[in-house]
C-alpha atoms as a PDB file:
ATOM      1  CA  PRO A   1      -0.270   0.018  -0.118  1.00  0.00           C
ATOM      2  CA  PRO A   2       1.253   3.538  -0.235  1.00  0.00           C
ATOM      3  CA  PHE A   3       2.842   5.044   2.536  1.00  0.00           C
ATOM      4  CA  GLY A   4       1.231   5.889   5.673  1.00  0.00           C
ATOM      5  CA  LYS A   5      -1.717   3.484   5.144  1.00  0.00           C
ATOM      6  CA  ARG A   6      -2.474   0.006   6.011  1.00  0.00           C
ATOM      7  CA  GLY A   7      -3.234  -2.640   4.166  1.00  0.00           C
ATOM      8  CA  TYR A   8      -4.547  -6.503   4.924  1.00  0.00           C
ATOM      9  CA  ASN A   9      -3.024  -8.320   7.401  1.00  0.00           C
ATOM     10  CA  GLU A  10      -0.525 -10.515   5.278  1.00  0.00           C
ATOM     11  CA  LYS A  11      -0.466 -14.037   6.914  1.00  0.00           C
ATOM     12  CA  ALA A  12      -4.727 -13.681   6.921  1.00  0.00           C
ATOM     13  CA  VAL A  13      -4.628 -13.324   3.129  1.00  0.00           C
ATOM     14  CA  ALA A  14      -1.607 -16.025   2.768  1.00  0.00           C
ATOM     15  CA  ASP A  15      -3.988 -18.762   4.996  1.00  0.00           C
ATOM     16  CA  PHE A  16      -6.959 -17.469   3.110  1.00  0.00           C
ATOM     17  CA  VAL A  17      -5.300 -17.544  -0.301  1.00  0.00           C
ATOM     18  CA  ALA A  18      -4.132 -21.000   0.360  1.00  0.00           C
ATOM     19  CA  LEU A  19      -7.738 -22.512   0.993  1.00  0.00           C
ATOM     20  CA  CYS A  20      -8.548 -20.710  -2.458  1.00  0.00           C
ATOM     21  CA  ALA A  21      -5.935 -22.878  -4.335  1.00  0.00           C
ATOM     22  CA  ARG A  22      -7.049 -26.224  -2.492  1.00  0.00           C
ATOM     23  CA  ARG A  23     -10.638 -25.272  -3.760  1.00  0.00           C
ATOM     24  CA  LEU A  24      -8.936 -24.740  -7.502  1.00  0.00           C
ATOM     25  CA  ASP A  25      -7.576 -27.959  -7.399  1.00  0.00           C
ATOM     26  CA  GLY A  26     -10.499 -29.518  -6.294  1.00  0.00           C
ATOM     27  CA  ARG A  27      -9.880 -30.140  -2.146  1.00  0.00           C
ATOM     28  CA  GLY A  28     -11.583 -27.729  -0.967  1.00  0.00           C
ATOM     29  CA  HIS A  29     -15.317 -26.521  -0.073  1.00  0.00           C
ATOM     30  CA  LEU A  30     -15.176 -23.088  -0.599  1.00  0.00           C
ATOM     31  CA  THR A  31     -17.954 -20.627  -2.518  1.00  0.00           C
ATOM     32  CA  ALA A  32     -17.434 -18.325  -4.883  1.00  0.00           C
ATOM     33  CA  ASP A  33     -20.044 -16.085  -2.577  1.00  0.00           C
ATOM     34  CA  ASP A  34     -17.048 -17.267   0.651  1.00  0.00           C
ATOM     35  CA  VAL A  35     -14.416 -15.258  -1.486  1.00  0.00           C
ATOM     36  CA  ARG A  36     -16.120 -12.515  -2.524  1.00  0.00           C
ATOM     37  CA  HIS A  37     -17.095 -11.260   1.060  1.00  0.00           C
ATOM     38  CA  VAL A  38     -14.408 -12.603   2.857  1.00  0.00           C
ATOM     39  CA  ARG A  39     -12.675  -9.500   5.175  1.00  0.00           C
ATOM     40  CA  PHE A  40      -9.006  -8.994   6.446  1.00  0.00           C
ATOM     41  CA  ASN A  41      -8.135  -6.953   9.595  1.00  0.00           C
ATOM     42  CA  LYS A  42      -5.279  -4.677   9.183  1.00  0.00           C
ATOM     43  CA  PRO A  43      -1.813  -5.393  10.308  1.00  0.00           C
ATOM     44  CA  ALA A  44       0.043  -5.100  13.383  1.00  0.00           C
ATOM     45  CA  PHE A  45       1.054  -0.873  13.763  1.00  0.00           C
ATOM     46  CA  GLY A  46       3.869  -0.048  11.682  1.00  0.00           C
ATOM     47  CA  LYS A  47       3.495  -3.014   9.460  1.00  0.00           C
ATOM     48  CA  ARG A  48       2.006  -1.781   5.670  1.00  0.00           C
ATOM     49  CA  GLY A  49       0.329  -5.332   4.853  1.00  0.00           C
ATOM     50  CA  PHE A  50      -0.827  -6.187   1.368  1.00  0.00           C
ATOM     51  CA  ASP A  51      -2.346  -3.533  -0.663  1.00  0.00           C
ATOM     52  CA  GLN A  52      -6.134  -3.909  -0.454  1.00  0.00           C
ATOM     53  CA  ASN A  53      -7.026  -2.983  -4.357  1.00  0.00           C
ATOM     54  CA  GLN A  54      -4.592  -5.553  -5.585  1.00  0.00           C
ATOM     55  CA  VAL A  55      -6.283  -8.161  -2.936  1.00  0.00           C
ATOM     56  CA  ASP A  56      -9.019  -7.256  -3.999  1.00  0.00           C
ATOM     57  CA  ASP A  57      -8.887  -7.845  -8.128  1.00  0.00           C
ATOM     58  CA  LEU A  58      -6.910 -11.622  -7.232  1.00  0.00           C
ATOM     59  CA  LEU A  59      -9.908 -12.774  -4.703  1.00  0.00           C
ATOM     60  CA  ALA A  60     -12.196 -10.984  -7.664  1.00  0.00           C
ATOM     61  CA  GLU A  61     -10.298 -13.732 -10.624  1.00  0.00           C
ATOM     62  CA  ILE A  62     -10.693 -16.502  -8.285  1.00  0.00           C
ATOM     63  CA  ALA A  63     -14.350 -16.415  -7.402  1.00  0.00           C
ATOM     64  CA  THR A  64     -14.699 -15.912 -10.975  1.00  0.00           C
ATOM     65  CA  ALA A  65     -13.090 -18.825 -11.181  1.00  0.00           C
ATOM     66  CA  ILE A  66     -14.855 -20.997  -8.399  1.00  0.00           C
ATOM     67  CA  ASP A  67     -17.844 -19.755 -10.611  1.00  0.00           C
ATOM     68  CA  LYS A  68     -16.112 -21.286 -13.817  1.00  0.00           C
ATOM     69  CA  LEU A  69     -15.319 -25.049 -11.750  1.00  0.00           C
ATOM     70  CA  ASP A  70     -18.846 -24.907 -10.545  1.00  0.00           C
ATOM     71  CA  ALA A  71     -21.015 -24.452 -14.007  1.00  0.00           C
ATOM     72  CA  ARG A  72     -19.071 -27.222 -15.182  1.00  0.00           C
ATOM     73  CA  SER A  73     -20.015 -29.543 -12.332  1.00  0.00           C
END
């Protein structure tokens, strides 16, 4: 994120993206709506975290991919 702004907690994002990867590999149970509605805490004071816009864009792509997988099932 820009200097002076705090993004999303890096560990929380990484853990959730790992769950998304499992789902895209056919091993998880997340829905596209789960991905669309997830919320992340801010990082600890003094930490910048992941850029919110970049994470939100990635999650939108993941939700679309899950929708496509579900449409094939």
